[in-house]
Protein backbone atom coordinates (compact mmCIF):
# COMPACT_ATOMS: atom_id res chain seq x y z
CA UNK A 1 0.00 0.00 0.00
CA UNK A 2 1.22 3.50 -0.87
CA UNK A 3 -0.01 7.07 -0.43
CA UNK A 4 0.96 8.68 -3.73
CA UNK A 5 3.54 10.99 -2.12
CA UNK A 6 6.72 10.62 -4.18
CA UNK A 7 9.96 10.40 -2.20
CA UNK A 8 12.47 10.58 -5.03
CA UNK A 9 12.97 9.87 -8.72
CA UNK A 10 15.20 7.48 -10.62
CA UNK A 11 15.85 5.75 -13.92
CA UNK A 12 14.95 2.26 -15.12
CA UNK A 13 17.25 -0.06 -17.03
CA UNK A 14 16.36 -3.53 -18.27
CA UNK A 15 18.84 -6.20 -17.18
CA UNK A 16 17.08 -9.02 -18.99
CA UNK A 17 13.58 -10.09 -20.01
CA UNK A 18 12.36 -10.39 -16.43
CA UNK A 19 14.52 -8.01 -14.35
CA UNK A 20 14.72 -4.24 -14.07
CA UNK A 21 17.41 -2.15 -12.41
CA UNK A 22 16.00 0.97 -10.78
CA UNK A 23 18.68 3.59 -10.17
CA UNK A 24 17.69 6.06 -7.45
CA UNK A 25 18.49 9.75 -7.78
CA UNK A 26 20.57 10.60 -4.67
CA UNK A 27 19.97 14.35 -5.01
CA UNK A 28 16.17 14.16 -4.71
CA UNK A 29 14.56 12.95 -1.53
CA UNK A 30 11.37 14.89 -1.01
CA UNK A 31 10.71 13.56 2.48
CA UNK A 32 14.20 14.19 3.82
CA UNK A 33 15.52 10.61 3.93
CA UNK A 34 17.20 8.27 1.51
CA UNK A 35 14.89 5.68 -0.01
CA UNK A 36 17.75 3.20 -0.32
CA UNK A 37 18.76 3.56 3.34
CA UNK A 38 15.45 2.06 4.46
CA UNK A 39 15.04 -0.66 1.81
CA UNK A 40 15.31 -4.36 2.51
CA UNK A 41 14.95 -7.42 0.31
CA UNK A 42 11.29 -8.18 -0.29
CA UNK A 43 10.15 -4.60 0.24
CA UNK A 44 7.65 -3.03 -2.13
CA UNK A 45 8.40 0.15 -4.09
CA UNK A 46 6.03 1.99 -6.39
CA UNK A 47 7.90 2.72 -9.61
CA UNK A 48 5.84 5.24 -11.60
CA UNK A 49 2.84 3.85 -9.77
CA UNK A 50 3.67 0.18 -10.42
CA UNK A 51 4.21 -1.93 -7.30
CA UNK A 52 7.47 -3.88 -7.63
CA UNK A 53 9.30 -6.12 -5.14
CA UNK A 54 12.97 -5.57 -4.31
CA UNK A 55 14.90 -8.74 -5.14
CA UNK A 56 18.44 -7.33 -4.97
CA UNK A 57 19.99 -4.25 -3.38
CA UNK A 58 22.78 -2.33 -5.08
CA UNK A 59 24.74 0.75 -4.00
CA UNK A 60 22.91 2.98 -6.45
CA UNK A 61 19.51 1.30 -6.60
CA UNK A 62 17.68 -1.99 -6.57
CA UNK A 63 16.66 -4.86 -8.85
CA UNK A 64 13.05 -5.97 -9.27
CA UNK A 65 11.47 -8.82 -11.17
CA UNK A 66 8.83 -7.84 -13.70
CA UNK A 67 6.55 -9.90 -15.91
CA UNK A 68 6.01 -9.32 -19.65
CA UNK A 69 2.38 -8.56 -18.77
CA UNK A 70 3.44 -5.70 -16.50
CA UNK A 71 5.70 -4.25 -19.16
CA UNK A 72 2.93 -4.49 -21.72
CA UNK A 73 0.22 -2.89 -19.60
CA UNK A 74 2.26 -0.04 -18.08
CA UNK A 75 4.72 2.61 -19.23
CA UNK A 76 7.79 0.97 -17.66
CA UNK A 77 9.13 -0.31 -20.97
CA UNK A 78 8.76 3.17 -22.48
CA UNK A 79 10.73 4.69 -19.58
CA UNK A 80 13.89 2.62 -20.09
CA UNK A 81 16.89 5.00 -19.93
CA UNK A 82 14.67 7.93 -20.95
CA UNK A 83 12.62 10.13 -18.63
CA UNK A 84 12.78 9.66 -14.83
CA UNK A 85 10.39 7.45 -12.89
CA UNK A 86 8.70 8.41 -9.63
CA UNK A 87 9.64 6.30 -6.60
CA UNK A 88 7.76 5.75 -3.35
CA UNK A 89 8.39 3.09 -0.67
CA UNK A 90 5.42 1.28 0.82
CA UNK A 91 3.41 2.87 3.61
CA UNK A 92 4.61 1.94 7.08
CA UNK A 93 2.35 1.62 10.11
CA UNK A 94 2.28 4.98 11.86
CA UNK A 95 3.42 6.95 8.83
CA UNK A 96 1.56 10.03 7.67
CA UNK A 97 -1.13 9.46 5.06
CA UNK A 98 -0.84 12.69 3.12
CA UNK A 99 -2.27 11.52 -0.19
CA UNK A 100 -4.79 8.70 -0.64
CA UNK A 101 -4.60 4.92 -0.55
CA UNK A 102 -2.73 3.74 -3.66
CA UNK A 103 -2.26 0.02 -4.30
CA UNK A 104 0.34 0.15 -7.06
CA UNK A 105 -1.92 -1.88 -9.36
CA UNK A 106 -2.26 0.17 -12.54
CA UNK A 107 -5.77 0.20 -14.04
CA UNK A 108 -4.83 1.59 -17.44
CA UNK A 109 -3.04 4.25 -19.41
CA UNK A 110 -3.70 7.88 -20.22
CA UNK A 111 -2.10 10.57 -22.39
CA UNK A 112 -1.20 14.19 -21.70
CA UNK A 113 -3.51 16.28 -23.89
CA UNK A 114 -2.68 19.81 -22.71
CA UNK A 115 -0.66 21.73 -20.12
CA UNK A 116 -1.30 25.29 -18.99
CA UNK A 117 0.85 27.17 -16.50
CA UNK A 118 -1.08 29.48 -14.18
CA UNK A 119 0.10 31.74 -11.36
CA UNK A 120 -0.37 29.00 -8.78
CA UNK A 121 -0.17 25.66 -10.58
CA UNK A 122 0.17 23.65 -13.75
CA UNK A 123 -3.22 22.61 -15.13
CA UNK A 124 -2.75 19.30 -16.92
CA UNK A 125 -5.41 17.64 -19.08
CA UNK A 126 -5.27 13.89 -19.68
CA UNK A 127 -7.15 11.65 -22.07
CA UNK A 128 -8.17 8.23 -20.77
CA UNK A 129 -8.05 5.28 -23.16
CA UNK A 130 -9.38 2.59 -20.83
CA UNK A 131 -13.01 2.57 -19.68
CA UNK A 132 -11.89 0.66 -16.60
CA UNK A 133 -10.15 3.86 -15.45
CA UNK A 134 -12.76 6.33 -16.71
CA UNK A 135 -15.54 4.81 -14.61
CA UNK A 136 -13.79 5.80 -11.35
CA UNK A 137 -13.18 9.44 -12.24
CA UNK A 138 -15.32 12.00 -10.42
CA UNK A 139 -14.77 15.74 -9.82
CA UNK A 140 -12.79 16.29 -6.58
CA UNK A 141 -12.04 12.59 -6.43
CA UNK A 142 -8.57 11.03 -6.22
CA UNK A 143 -6.43 9.69 -9.05
CA UNK A 144 -2.87 8.34 -9.09
CA UNK A 145 -0.88 9.53 -12.13
CA UNK A 146 2.50 7.81 -12.41
CA UNK A 147 2.06 7.03 -8.73
CA UNK A 148 1.36 10.65 -7.73
CA UNK A 149 -1.73 11.27 -5.62
CA UNK A 150 -3.70 14.06 -7.29
CA UNK A 151 -7.22 15.49 -7.12
CA UNK A 152 -9.45 15.49 -10.18
CA UNK A 153 -10.31 19.18 -10.67
CA UNK A 154 -12.73 18.46 -13.50
CA UNK A 155 -13.61 15.59 -15.82
CA UNK A 156 -15.87 14.68 -18.70
CA UNK A 157 -19.16 13.00 -17.80
CA UNK A 158 -17.93 9.71 -19.28
CA UNK A 159 -14.48 10.03 -17.70
CA UNK A 160 -12.72 10.07 -21.07
CA UNK A 161 -10.85 13.26 -20.18
CA UNK A 162 -9.92 14.91 -16.89
CA UNK A 163 -7.85 17.78 -15.51
CA UNK A 164 -5.63 18.09 -12.45
CA UNK A 165 -3.99 21.16 -10.95
CA UNK A 166 -0.39 20.38 -9.98
CA UNK A 167 1.42 22.64 -7.50
CA UNK A 168 4.93 23.84 -8.51
CA UNK A 169 6.75 21.59 -6.00
CA UNK A 170 5.06 18.43 -7.27
CA UNK A 171 5.53 19.49 -10.89
CA UNK A 172 9.26 20.18 -10.44
CA UNK A 173 10.17 17.21 -8.25
CA UNK A 174 8.35 14.46 -10.13
CA UNK A 175 8.48 13.32 -13.75
CA UNK A 176 5.41 15.37 -14.69
CA UNK A 177 7.77 18.18 -15.68
CA UNK A 178 9.44 15.85 -18.21
CA UNK A 179 6.17 14.72 -19.76
CA UNK A 180 5.59 15.86 -23.33
CA UNK A 181 2.23 16.33 -25.04
CA UNK A 182 0.97 12.90 -26.02
CA UNK A 183 3.16 11.33 -23.36
CA UNK A 184 1.78 8.19 -21.75
CA UNK A 185 1.10 7.84 -18.01
CA UNK A 186 0.04 5.08 -15.64
CA UNK A 187 -3.37 5.62 -14.03
CA UNK A 188 -4.88 4.04 -10.95
CA UNK A 189 -8.41 4.87 -9.84
CA UNK A 190 -9.39 5.35 -6.21
CA UNK A 191 -9.62 1.94 -4.55
CA UNK A 192 -12.60 3.09 -2.46
CA UNK A 193 -14.66 3.57 -5.61
CA UNK A 194 -13.78 0.05 -6.75
CA UNK A 195 -15.02 -1.51 -3.53
CA UNK A 196 -18.23 0.49 -3.55
CA UNK A 197 -18.87 -0.67 -7.12
CA UNK A 198 -18.11 -4.25 -6.13
CA UNK A 199 -20.41 -4.24 -3.11
CA UNK A 200 -23.26 -2.63 -5.02
CA UNK A 201 -23.01 -5.16 -7.84
CA UNK A 202 -22.19 -8.33 -5.94
CA UNK A 203 -25.08 -8.50 -3.48
CA UNK A 204 -25.06 -12.21 -2.75
CA UNK A 205 -22.39 -13.63 -0.46
CA UNK A 206 -21.74 -17.01 -2.04
CA UNK A 207 -20.40 -18.57 1.15
CA UNK A 208 -23.25 -17.63 3.50
CA UNK A 209 -26.03 -16.92 1.01
CA UNK A 210 -26.66 -13.59 2.74
CA UNK A 211 -27.93 -10.63 0.76
CA UNK A 212 -25.88 -7.44 1.16
CA UNK A 213 -27.87 -4.32 2.01
CA UNK A 214 -26.91 -0.72 1.35
CA UNK A 215 -29.16 1.91 2.93
CA UNK A 216 -32.14 -0.41 2.71
CA UNK A 217 -31.43 -1.28 -0.92
CA UNK A 218 -30.96 -5.00 -1.51
CA UNK A 219 -28.03 -5.07 -3.88
CA UNK A 220 -28.79 -8.43 -5.42
CA UNK A 221 -27.62 -8.75 -9.06
CA UNK A 222 -31.21 -9.43 -10.12
CA UNK A 223 -32.53 -6.24 -8.50
CA UNK A 224 -33.68 -3.89 -11.24
CA UNK A 225 -33.81 -0.59 -9.34
CA UNK A 226 -31.19 2.07 -9.92
CA UNK A 227 -29.81 4.18 -7.07
CA UNK A 228 -30.81 7.67 -8.20
CA UNK A 229 -32.33 10.80 -6.59
CA UNK A 230 -35.84 9.31 -6.69
CA UNK A 231 -34.74 6.05 -5.06
CA UNK A 232 -32.86 7.89 -2.28
CA UNK A 233 -35.88 10.12 -1.59
CA UNK A 234 -38.13 7.06 -1.44
CA UNK A 235 -35.92 5.50 1.22
CA UNK A 236 -35.64 8.56 3.43
CA UNK A 237 -32.52 10.27 2.09
CA UNK A 238 -33.04 14.01 1.48
C-alpha atoms as a PDB file:
ATOM      1  CA  UNK A   1       0.000   0.000   0.000  1.00  0.00           C
ATOM      2  CA  UNK A   2       1.224   3.497  -0.872  1.00  0.00           C
ATOM      3  CA  UNK A   3      -0.007   7.071  -0.430  1.00  0.00           C
ATOM      4  CA  UNK A   4       0.965   8.680  -3.730  1.00  0.00           C
ATOM      5  CA  UNK A   5       3.540  10.992  -2.124  1.00  0.00           C
ATOM      6  CA  UNK A   6       6.717  10.620  -4.176  1.00  0.00           C
ATOM      7  CA  UNK A   7       9.956  10.396  -2.203  1.00  0.00           C
ATOM      8  CA  UNK A   8      12.469  10.581  -5.031  1.00  0.00           C
ATOM      9  CA  UNK A   9      12.970   9.868  -8.721  1.00  0.00           C
ATOM     10  CA  UNK A  10      15.195   7.482 -10.622  1.00  0.00           C
ATOM     11  CA  UNK A  11      15.848   5.750 -13.918  1.00  0.00           C
ATOM     12  CA  UNK A  12      14.952   2.261 -15.125  1.00  0.00           C
ATOM     13  CA  UNK A  13      17.251  -0.060 -17.028  1.00  0.00           C
ATOM     14  CA  UNK A  14      16.364  -3.531 -18.265  1.00  0.00           C
ATOM     15  CA  UNK A  15      18.841  -6.197 -17.185  1.00  0.00           C
ATOM     16  CA  UNK A  16      17.083  -9.017 -18.995  1.00  0.00           C
ATOM     17  CA  UNK A  17      13.581 -10.087 -20.008  1.00  0.00           C
ATOM     18  CA  UNK A  18      12.356 -10.387 -16.426  1.00  0.00           C
ATOM     19  CA  UNK A  19      14.519  -8.008 -14.353  1.00  0.00           C
ATOM     20  CA  UNK A  20      14.719  -4.241 -14.075  1.00  0.00           C
ATOM     21  CA  UNK A  21      17.412  -2.149 -12.412  1.00  0.00           C
ATOM     22  CA  UNK A  22      15.999   0.969 -10.779  1.00  0.00           C
ATOM     23  CA  UNK A  23      18.682   3.586 -10.172  1.00  0.00           C
ATOM     24  CA  UNK A  24      17.686   6.058  -7.453  1.00  0.00           C
ATOM     25  CA  UNK A  25      18.491   9.749  -7.784  1.00  0.00           C
ATOM     26  CA  UNK A  26      20.572  10.602  -4.672  1.00  0.00           C
ATOM     27  CA  UNK A  27      19.970  14.347  -5.009  1.00  0.00           C
ATOM     28  CA  UNK A  28      16.173  14.162  -4.706  1.00  0.00           C
ATOM     29  CA  UNK A  29      14.557  12.946  -1.532  1.00  0.00           C
ATOM     30  CA  UNK A  30      11.374  14.888  -1.014  1.00  0.00           C
ATOM     31  CA  UNK A  31      10.713  13.558   2.482  1.00  0.00           C
ATOM     32  CA  UNK A  32      14.196  14.191   3.823  1.00  0.00           C
ATOM     33  CA  UNK A  33      15.524  10.615   3.933  1.00  0.00           C
ATOM     34  CA  UNK A  34      17.196   8.274   1.506  1.00  0.00           C
ATOM     35  CA  UNK A  35      14.894   5.682  -0.010  1.00  0.00           C
ATOM     36  CA  UNK A  36      17.753   3.203  -0.319  1.00  0.00           C
ATOM     37  CA  UNK A  37      18.761   3.564   3.336  1.00  0.00           C
ATOM     38  CA  UNK A  38      15.451   2.060   4.460  1.00  0.00           C
ATOM     39  CA  UNK A  39      15.039  -0.656   1.805  1.00  0.00           C
ATOM     40  CA  UNK A  40      15.310  -4.360   2.510  1.00  0.00           C
ATOM     41  CA  UNK A  41      14.952  -7.425   0.313  1.00  0.00           C
ATOM     42  CA  UNK A  42      11.290  -8.181  -0.286  1.00  0.00           C
ATOM     43  CA  UNK A  43      10.150  -4.602   0.237  1.00  0.00           C
ATOM     44  CA  UNK A  44       7.652  -3.028  -2.128  1.00  0.00           C
ATOM     45  CA  UNK A  45       8.398   0.146  -4.089  1.00  0.00           C
ATOM     46  CA  UNK A  46       6.028   1.986  -6.387  1.00  0.00           C
ATOM     47  CA  UNK A  47       7.900   2.723  -9.612  1.00  0.00           C
ATOM     48  CA  UNK A  48       5.840   5.235 -11.598  1.00  0.00           C
ATOM     49  CA  UNK A  49       2.842   3.852  -9.772  1.00  0.00           C
ATOM     50  CA  UNK A  50       3.668   0.182 -10.419  1.00  0.00           C
ATOM     51  CA  UNK A  51       4.214  -1.935  -7.302  1.00  0.00           C
ATOM     52  CA  UNK A  52       7.471  -3.876  -7.632  1.00  0.00           C
ATOM     53  CA  UNK A  53       9.297  -6.120  -5.143  1.00  0.00           C
ATOM     54  CA  UNK A  54      12.968  -5.570  -4.310  1.00  0.00           C
ATOM     55  CA  UNK A  55      14.903  -8.743  -5.140  1.00  0.00           C
ATOM     56  CA  UNK A  56      18.438  -7.328  -4.975  1.00  0.00           C
ATOM     57  CA  UNK A  57      19.989  -4.254  -3.382  1.00  0.00           C
ATOM     58  CA  UNK A  58      22.779  -2.329  -5.084  1.00  0.00           C
ATOM     59  CA  UNK A  59      24.744   0.747  -3.995  1.00  0.00           C
ATOM     60  CA  UNK A  60      22.908   2.984  -6.454  1.00  0.00           C
ATOM     61  CA  UNK A  61      19.510   1.304  -6.600  1.00  0.00           C
ATOM     62  CA  UNK A  62      17.685  -1.993  -6.566  1.00  0.00           C
ATOM     63  CA  UNK A  63      16.664  -4.860  -8.852  1.00  0.00           C
ATOM     64  CA  UNK A  64      13.050  -5.966  -9.270  1.00  0.00           C
ATOM     65  CA  UNK A  65      11.469  -8.821 -11.167  1.00  0.00           C
ATOM     66  CA  UNK A  66       8.829  -7.838 -13.702  1.00  0.00           C
ATOM     67  CA  UNK A  67       6.551  -9.896 -15.908  1.00  0.00           C
ATOM     68  CA  UNK A  68       6.009  -9.320 -19.646  1.00  0.00           C
ATOM     69  CA  UNK A  69       2.380  -8.556 -18.775  1.00  0.00           C
ATOM     70  CA  UNK A  70       3.436  -5.699 -16.496  1.00  0.00           C
ATOM     71  CA  UNK A  71       5.702  -4.251 -19.157  1.00  0.00           C
ATOM     72  CA  UNK A  72       2.933  -4.494 -21.716  1.00  0.00           C
ATOM     73  CA  UNK A  73       0.222  -2.891 -19.598  1.00  0.00           C
ATOM     74  CA  UNK A  74       2.257  -0.040 -18.083  1.00  0.00           C
ATOM     75  CA  UNK A  75       4.721   2.612 -19.228  1.00  0.00           C
ATOM     76  CA  UNK A  76       7.789   0.971 -17.664  1.00  0.00           C
ATOM     77  CA  UNK A  77       9.129  -0.313 -20.975  1.00  0.00           C
ATOM     78  CA  UNK A  78       8.757   3.174 -22.478  1.00  0.00           C
ATOM     79  CA  UNK A  79      10.730   4.687 -19.582  1.00  0.00           C
ATOM     80  CA  UNK A  80      13.886   2.622 -20.088  1.00  0.00           C
ATOM     81  CA  UNK A  81      16.889   4.995 -19.933  1.00  0.00           C
ATOM     82  CA  UNK A  82      14.673   7.927 -20.949  1.00  0.00           C
ATOM     83  CA  UNK A  83      12.624  10.126 -18.629  1.00  0.00           C
ATOM     84  CA  UNK A  84      12.777   9.658 -14.834  1.00  0.00           C
ATOM     85  CA  UNK A  85      10.390   7.451 -12.888  1.00  0.00           C
ATOM     86  CA  UNK A  86       8.704   8.408  -9.626  1.00  0.00           C
ATOM     87  CA  UNK A  87       9.637   6.298  -6.597  1.00  0.00           C
ATOM     88  CA  UNK A  88       7.756   5.749  -3.346  1.00  0.00           C
ATOM     89  CA  UNK A  89       8.386   3.091  -0.672  1.00  0.00           C
ATOM     90  CA  UNK A  90       5.417   1.277   0.817  1.00  0.00           C
ATOM     91  CA  UNK A  91       3.413   2.869   3.613  1.00  0.00           C
ATOM     92  CA  UNK A  92       4.610   1.937   7.082  1.00  0.00           C
ATOM     93  CA  UNK A  93       2.354   1.618  10.111  1.00  0.00           C
ATOM     94  CA  UNK A  94       2.279   4.979  11.865  1.00  0.00           C
ATOM     95  CA  UNK A  95       3.420   6.950   8.829  1.00  0.00           C
ATOM     96  CA  UNK A  96       1.560  10.030   7.668  1.00  0.00           C
ATOM     97  CA  UNK A  97      -1.128   9.462   5.058  1.00  0.00           C
ATOM     98  CA  UNK A  98      -0.839  12.688   3.122  1.00  0.00           C
ATOM     99  CA  UNK A  99      -2.270  11.521  -0.194  1.00  0.00           C
ATOM    100  CA  UNK A 100      -4.792   8.703  -0.638  1.00  0.00           C
ATOM    101  CA  UNK A 101      -4.599   4.920  -0.551  1.00  0.00           C
ATOM    102  CA  UNK A 102      -2.727   3.744  -3.657  1.00  0.00           C
ATOM    103  CA  UNK A 103      -2.261   0.018  -4.298  1.00  0.00           C
ATOM    104  CA  UNK A 104       0.337   0.150  -7.057  1.00  0.00           C
ATOM    105  CA  UNK A 105      -1.922  -1.883  -9.361  1.00  0.00           C
ATOM    106  CA  UNK A 106      -2.264   0.168 -12.540  1.00  0.00           C
ATOM    107  CA  UNK A 107      -5.769   0.198 -14.043  1.00  0.00           C
ATOM    108  CA  UNK A 108      -4.832   1.587 -17.436  1.00  0.00           C
ATOM    109  CA  UNK A 109      -3.044   4.251 -19.412  1.00  0.00           C
ATOM    110  CA  UNK A 110      -3.697   7.884 -20.225  1.00  0.00           C
ATOM    111  CA  UNK A 111      -2.097  10.566 -22.393  1.00  0.00           C
ATOM    112  CA  UNK A 112      -1.203  14.185 -21.704  1.00  0.00           C
ATOM    113  CA  UNK A 113      -3.506  16.284 -23.887  1.00  0.00           C
ATOM    114  CA  UNK A 114      -2.685  19.808 -22.711  1.00  0.00           C
ATOM    115  CA  UNK A 115      -0.660  21.728 -20.123  1.00  0.00           C
ATOM    116  CA  UNK A 116      -1.302  25.290 -18.990  1.00  0.00           C
ATOM    117  CA  UNK A 117       0.851  27.170 -16.501  1.00  0.00           C
ATOM    118  CA  UNK A 118      -1.082  29.481 -14.179  1.00  0.00           C
ATOM    119  CA  UNK A 119       0.099  31.737 -11.355  1.00  0.00           C
ATOM    120  CA  UNK A 120      -0.367  29.002  -8.778  1.00  0.00           C
ATOM    121  CA  UNK A 121      -0.167  25.664 -10.577  1.00  0.00           C
ATOM    122  CA  UNK A 122       0.167  23.649 -13.747  1.00  0.00           C
ATOM    123  CA  UNK A 123      -3.217  22.610 -15.127  1.00  0.00           C
ATOM    124  CA  UNK A 124      -2.749  19.295 -16.920  1.00  0.00           C
ATOM    125  CA  UNK A 125      -5.407  17.640 -19.082  1.00  0.00           C
ATOM    126  CA  UNK A 126      -5.270  13.894 -19.679  1.00  0.00           C
ATOM    127  CA  UNK A 127      -7.151  11.653 -22.068  1.00  0.00           C
ATOM    128  CA  UNK A 128      -8.173   8.229 -20.772  1.00  0.00           C
ATOM    129  CA  UNK A 129      -8.047   5.280 -23.165  1.00  0.00           C
ATOM    130  CA  UNK A 130      -9.376   2.593 -20.834  1.00  0.00           C
ATOM    131  CA  UNK A 131     -13.009   2.573 -19.685  1.00  0.00           C
ATOM    132  CA  UNK A 132     -11.894   0.657 -16.603  1.00  0.00           C
ATOM    133  CA  UNK A 133     -10.150   3.862 -15.446  1.00  0.00           C
ATOM    134  CA  UNK A 134     -12.757   6.330 -16.707  1.00  0.00           C
ATOM    135  CA  UNK A 135     -15.541   4.807 -14.609  1.00  0.00           C
ATOM    136  CA  UNK A 136     -13.791   5.797 -11.355  1.00  0.00           C
ATOM    137  CA  UNK A 137     -13.181   9.440 -12.244  1.00  0.00           C
ATOM    138  CA  UNK A 138     -15.324  11.999 -10.419  1.00  0.00           C
ATOM    139  CA  UNK A 139     -14.774  15.742  -9.817  1.00  0.00           C
ATOM    140  CA  UNK A 140     -12.790  16.286  -6.583  1.00  0.00           C
ATOM    141  CA  UNK A 141     -12.037  12.587  -6.428  1.00  0.00           C
ATOM    142  CA  UNK A 142      -8.568  11.034  -6.221  1.00  0.00           C
ATOM    143  CA  UNK A 143      -6.428   9.687  -9.046  1.00  0.00           C
ATOM    144  CA  UNK A 144      -2.871   8.344  -9.092  1.00  0.00           C
ATOM    145  CA  UNK A 145      -0.882   9.530 -12.129  1.00  0.00           C
ATOM    146  CA  UNK A 146       2.503   7.810 -12.414  1.00  0.00           C
ATOM    147  CA  UNK A 147       2.060   7.034  -8.733  1.00  0.00           C
ATOM    148  CA  UNK A 148       1.362  10.655  -7.728  1.00  0.00           C
ATOM    149  CA  UNK A 149      -1.732  11.271  -5.619  1.00  0.00           C
ATOM    150  CA  UNK A 150      -3.704  14.065  -7.288  1.00  0.00           C
ATOM    151  CA  UNK A 151      -7.219  15.489  -7.123  1.00  0.00           C
ATOM    152  CA  UNK A 152      -9.454  15.494 -10.182  1.00  0.00           C
ATOM    153  CA  UNK A 153     -10.311  19.180 -10.669  1.00  0.00           C
ATOM    154  CA  UNK A 154     -12.728  18.455 -13.502  1.00  0.00           C
ATOM    155  CA  UNK A 155     -13.611  15.595 -15.816  1.00  0.00           C
ATOM    156  CA  UNK A 156     -15.872  14.684 -18.702  1.00  0.00           C
ATOM    157  CA  UNK A 157     -19.163  12.998 -17.804  1.00  0.00           C
ATOM    158  CA  UNK A 158     -17.934   9.712 -19.284  1.00  0.00           C
ATOM    159  CA  UNK A 159     -14.478  10.031 -17.698  1.00  0.00           C
ATOM    160  CA  UNK A 160     -12.717  10.066 -21.068  1.00  0.00           C
ATOM    161  CA  UNK A 161     -10.849  13.260 -20.182  1.00  0.00           C
ATOM    162  CA  UNK A 162      -9.917  14.912 -16.888  1.00  0.00           C
ATOM    163  CA  UNK A 163      -7.854  17.785 -15.509  1.00  0.00           C
ATOM    164  CA  UNK A 164      -5.629  18.089 -12.445  1.00  0.00           C
ATOM    165  CA  UNK A 165      -3.987  21.160 -10.951  1.00  0.00           C
ATOM    166  CA  UNK A 166      -0.388  20.375  -9.982  1.00  0.00           C
ATOM    167  CA  UNK A 167       1.421  22.639  -7.498  1.00  0.00           C
ATOM    168  CA  UNK A 168       4.926  23.837  -8.507  1.00  0.00           C
ATOM    169  CA  UNK A 169       6.746  21.586  -5.999  1.00  0.00           C
ATOM    170  CA  UNK A 170       5.058  18.432  -7.273  1.00  0.00           C
ATOM    171  CA  UNK A 171       5.532  19.487 -10.887  1.00  0.00           C
ATOM    172  CA  UNK A 172       9.256  20.185 -10.437  1.00  0.00           C
ATOM    173  CA  UNK A 173      10.167  17.213  -8.248  1.00  0.00           C
ATOM    174  CA  UNK A 174       8.354  14.459 -10.134  1.00  0.00           C
ATOM    175  CA  UNK A 175       8.476  13.321 -13.749  1.00  0.00           C
ATOM    176  CA  UNK A 176       5.410  15.369 -14.693  1.00  0.00           C
ATOM    177  CA  UNK A 177       7.773  18.182 -15.681  1.00  0.00           C
ATOM    178  CA  UNK A 178       9.443  15.853 -18.207  1.00  0.00           C
ATOM    179  CA  UNK A 179       6.168  14.724 -19.758  1.00  0.00           C
ATOM    180  CA  UNK A 180       5.589  15.865 -23.329  1.00  0.00           C
ATOM    181  CA  UNK A 181       2.233  16.328 -25.045  1.00  0.00           C
ATOM    182  CA  UNK A 182       0.970  12.903 -26.021  1.00  0.00           C
ATOM    183  CA  UNK A 183       3.159  11.327 -23.365  1.00  0.00           C
ATOM    184  CA  UNK A 184       1.778   8.189 -21.750  1.00  0.00           C
ATOM    185  CA  UNK A 185       1.104   7.840 -18.005  1.00  0.00           C
ATOM    186  CA  UNK A 186       0.039   5.075 -15.643  1.00  0.00           C
ATOM    187  CA  UNK A 187      -3.366   5.624 -14.032  1.00  0.00           C
ATOM    188  CA  UNK A 188      -4.875   4.038 -10.952  1.00  0.00           C
ATOM    189  CA  UNK A 189      -8.407   4.871  -9.839  1.00  0.00           C
ATOM    190  CA  UNK A 190      -9.387   5.350  -6.210  1.00  0.00           C
ATOM    191  CA  UNK A 191      -9.620   1.938  -4.546  1.00  0.00           C
ATOM    192  CA  UNK A 192     -12.601   3.085  -2.456  1.00  0.00           C
ATOM    193  CA  UNK A 193     -14.659   3.565  -5.605  1.00  0.00           C
ATOM    194  CA  UNK A 194     -13.776   0.051  -6.749  1.00  0.00           C
ATOM    195  CA  UNK A 195     -15.021  -1.512  -3.530  1.00  0.00           C
ATOM    196  CA  UNK A 196     -18.233   0.491  -3.547  1.00  0.00           C
ATOM    197  CA  UNK A 197     -18.872  -0.672  -7.121  1.00  0.00           C
ATOM    198  CA  UNK A 198     -18.110  -4.250  -6.131  1.00  0.00           C
ATOM    199  CA  UNK A 199     -20.412  -4.240  -3.112  1.00  0.00           C
ATOM    200  CA  UNK A 200     -23.257  -2.634  -5.018  1.00  0.00           C
ATOM    201  CA  UNK A 201     -23.008  -5.157  -7.836  1.00  0.00           C
ATOM    202  CA  UNK A 202     -22.190  -8.330  -5.937  1.00  0.00           C
ATOM    203  CA  UNK A 203     -25.078  -8.502  -3.475  1.00  0.00           C
ATOM    204  CA  UNK A 204     -25.057 -12.214  -2.747  1.00  0.00           C
ATOM    205  CA  UNK A 205     -22.389 -13.634  -0.457  1.00  0.00           C
ATOM    206  CA  UNK A 206     -21.739 -17.015  -2.038  1.00  0.00           C
ATOM    207  CA  UNK A 207     -20.405 -18.565   1.154  1.00  0.00           C
ATOM    208  CA  UNK A 208     -23.252 -17.626   3.500  1.00  0.00           C
ATOM    209  CA  UNK A 209     -26.029 -16.924   1.013  1.00  0.00           C
ATOM    210  CA  UNK A 210     -26.661 -13.592   2.738  1.00  0.00           C
ATOM    211  CA  UNK A 211     -27.926 -10.632   0.761  1.00  0.00           C
ATOM    212  CA  UNK A 212     -25.882  -7.438   1.158  1.00  0.00           C
ATOM    213  CA  UNK A 213     -27.869  -4.322   2.008  1.00  0.00           C
ATOM    214  CA  UNK A 214     -26.910  -0.719   1.354  1.00  0.00           C
ATOM    215  CA  UNK A 215     -29.163   1.914   2.934  1.00  0.00           C
ATOM    216  CA  UNK A 216     -32.136  -0.414   2.707  1.00  0.00           C
ATOM    217  CA  UNK A 217     -31.431  -1.282  -0.924  1.00  0.00           C
ATOM    218  CA  UNK A 218     -30.964  -5.004  -1.510  1.00  0.00           C
ATOM    219  CA  UNK A 219     -28.026  -5.072  -3.877  1.00  0.00           C
ATOM    220  CA  UNK A 220     -28.789  -8.433  -5.421  1.00  0.00           C
ATOM    221  CA  UNK A 221     -27.617  -8.755  -9.062  1.00  0.00           C
ATOM    222  CA  UNK A 222     -31.208  -9.429 -10.119  1.00  0.00           C
ATOM    223  CA  UNK A 223     -32.527  -6.242  -8.504  1.00  0.00           C
ATOM    224  CA  UNK A 224     -33.684  -3.891 -11.239  1.00  0.00           C
ATOM    225  CA  UNK A 225     -33.806  -0.591  -9.337  1.00  0.00           C
ATOM    226  CA  UNK A 226     -31.194   2.074  -9.916  1.00  0.00           C
ATOM    227  CA  UNK A 227     -29.810   4.179  -7.073  1.00  0.00           C
ATOM    228  CA  UNK A 228     -30.808   7.674  -8.196  1.00  0.00           C
ATOM    229  CA  UNK A 229     -32.332  10.805  -6.587  1.00  0.00           C
ATOM    230  CA  UNK A 230     -35.836   9.312  -6.694  1.00  0.00           C
ATOM    231  CA  UNK A 231     -34.736   6.055  -5.063  1.00  0.00           C
ATOM    232  CA  UNK A 232     -32.860   7.887  -2.280  1.00  0.00           C
ATOM    233  CA  UNK A 233     -35.880  10.121  -1.591  1.00  0.00           C
ATOM    234  CA  UNK A 234     -38.131   7.060  -1.441  1.00  0.00           C
ATOM    235  CA  UNK A 235     -35.920   5.504   1.221  1.00  0.00           C
ATOM    236  CA  UNK A 236     -35.643   8.565   3.434  1.00  0.00           C
ATOM    237  CA  UNK A 237     -32.519  10.271   2.093  1.00  0.00           C
ATOM    238  CA  UNK A 238     -33.040  14.010   1.480  1.00  0.00           C
END
